[in-house]
Amino acid sequence: MSGARLNIHIDRLVLRGIDPSDQQAFANGLKTELARVLSDPQARAALARTRRTPVMRLGKLTMQPGLGGARDLGRGVAKAIGRGMKS
């Protein structure tokens, strides 16, 4: 898949339990880290192998208060998705 373009479109992101003022920071952290995670050759190879959407158990993730905590949680979710794709 070298040089191939990958487009991901998330129709709806439901963020229960995250303060509305922190939701954009979460989404930005998720987006930034997903871009980095999905640039990994192993993750891209995993996408090429399957077209189904797997259920992933991401494990326990905690959120610190504020915008930085929300952004870090978004990054943590993206990293966990990347690990799940490689396994």
Protein backbone atom coordinates (compact mmCIF):
# COMPACT_ATOMS: atom_id res chain seq x y z
CA MET A 1 0.00 0.00 0.00
CA SER A 2 2.97 2.28 -0.32
CA GLY A 3 1.95 5.67 -1.66
CA ALA A 4 -1.76 4.82 -1.42
CA ARG A 5 -4.08 7.43 -0.01
CA LEU A 6 -6.26 6.59 2.96
CA ASN A 7 -9.36 8.64 3.75
CA ILE A 8 -11.29 8.10 6.95
CA HIS A 9 -14.63 9.75 7.49
CA ILE A 10 -16.24 9.69 10.92
CA ASP A 11 -19.92 10.49 10.55
CA ARG A 12 -20.62 10.97 14.22
CA LEU A 13 -18.47 11.03 17.32
CA VAL A 14 -20.48 10.58 20.51
CA LEU A 15 -18.56 11.80 23.55
CA ARG A 16 -20.56 11.04 26.66
CA GLY A 17 -18.91 12.11 29.88
CA ILE A 18 -16.60 14.67 28.26
CA ASP A 19 -17.39 18.28 29.03
CA PRO A 20 -18.73 20.02 25.90
CA SER A 21 -15.96 22.63 26.15
CA ASP A 22 -13.36 19.80 25.96
CA GLN A 23 -14.88 17.84 23.07
CA GLN A 24 -13.08 19.70 20.28
CA ALA A 25 -9.73 19.14 22.02
CA PHE A 26 -10.52 15.40 22.23
CA ALA A 27 -11.47 15.28 18.54
CA ASN A 28 -8.30 17.16 17.55
CA GLY A 29 -6.11 14.81 19.58
CA LEU A 30 -7.83 11.78 18.05
CA LYS A 31 -7.49 13.13 14.51
CA THR A 32 -3.82 14.09 14.86
CA GLU A 33 -2.79 10.81 16.44
CA LEU A 34 -4.87 8.66 14.05
CA ALA A 35 -3.04 10.32 11.14
CA ARG A 36 0.28 9.39 12.74
CA VAL A 37 -0.81 5.86 13.73
CA LEU A 38 -2.24 5.08 10.29
CA SER A 39 0.94 6.20 8.56
CA ASP A 40 2.62 3.15 10.16
CA PRO A 41 3.23 0.42 7.54
CA GLN A 42 1.92 -2.34 9.84
CA ALA A 43 -1.34 -0.48 10.41
CA ARG A 44 -1.75 0.15 6.69
CA ALA A 45 -1.07 -3.53 5.96
CA ALA A 46 -3.75 -4.50 8.49
CA LEU A 47 -6.23 -2.29 6.65
CA ALA A 48 -5.34 -3.95 3.35
CA ARG A 49 -6.00 -7.42 4.79
CA THR A 50 -9.58 -6.86 5.88
CA ARG A 51 -12.59 -4.78 4.96
CA ARG A 52 -14.68 -5.56 8.04
CA THR A 53 -14.86 -3.27 11.02
CA PRO A 54 -13.57 -5.16 14.04
CA VAL A 55 -14.69 -4.59 17.59
CA MET A 56 -11.71 -3.42 19.61
CA ARG A 57 -11.37 -3.45 23.35
CA LEU A 58 -9.17 -0.47 23.99
CA GLY A 59 -8.56 -1.08 27.67
CA LYS A 60 -8.79 1.43 30.46
CA LEU A 61 -8.09 5.03 29.53
CA THR A 62 -8.30 7.89 31.98
CA MET A 63 -8.85 11.55 31.33
CA GLN A 64 -7.21 14.36 33.21
CA PRO A 65 -9.26 17.55 33.55
CA GLY A 66 -9.18 20.36 31.03
CA LEU A 67 -8.37 20.75 27.36
CA GLY A 68 -4.98 19.06 27.66
CA GLY A 69 -6.55 16.03 29.32
CA ALA A 70 -9.19 15.77 26.60
CA ARG A 71 -6.55 16.06 23.86
CA ASP A 72 -4.38 13.42 25.54
CA LEU A 73 -7.38 11.10 25.86
CA GLY A 74 -8.06 11.49 22.12
CA ARG A 75 -4.43 10.59 21.41
CA GLY A 76 -4.67 7.60 23.75
CA VAL A 77 -7.76 6.31 21.96
CA ALA A 78 -6.01 6.63 18.58
CA LYS A 79 -2.92 4.78 19.87
CA ALA A 80 -5.12 2.00 21.25
CA ILE A 81 -6.86 1.71 17.86
CA GLY A 82 -3.44 1.39 16.20
CA ARG A 83 -2.40 -1.36 18.62
CA GLY A 84 -5.69 -3.16 18.02
CA MET A 85 -5.18 -3.07 14.26
CA LYS A 86 -1.74 -4.68 14.54
CA SER A 87 -2.90 -7.61 16.66
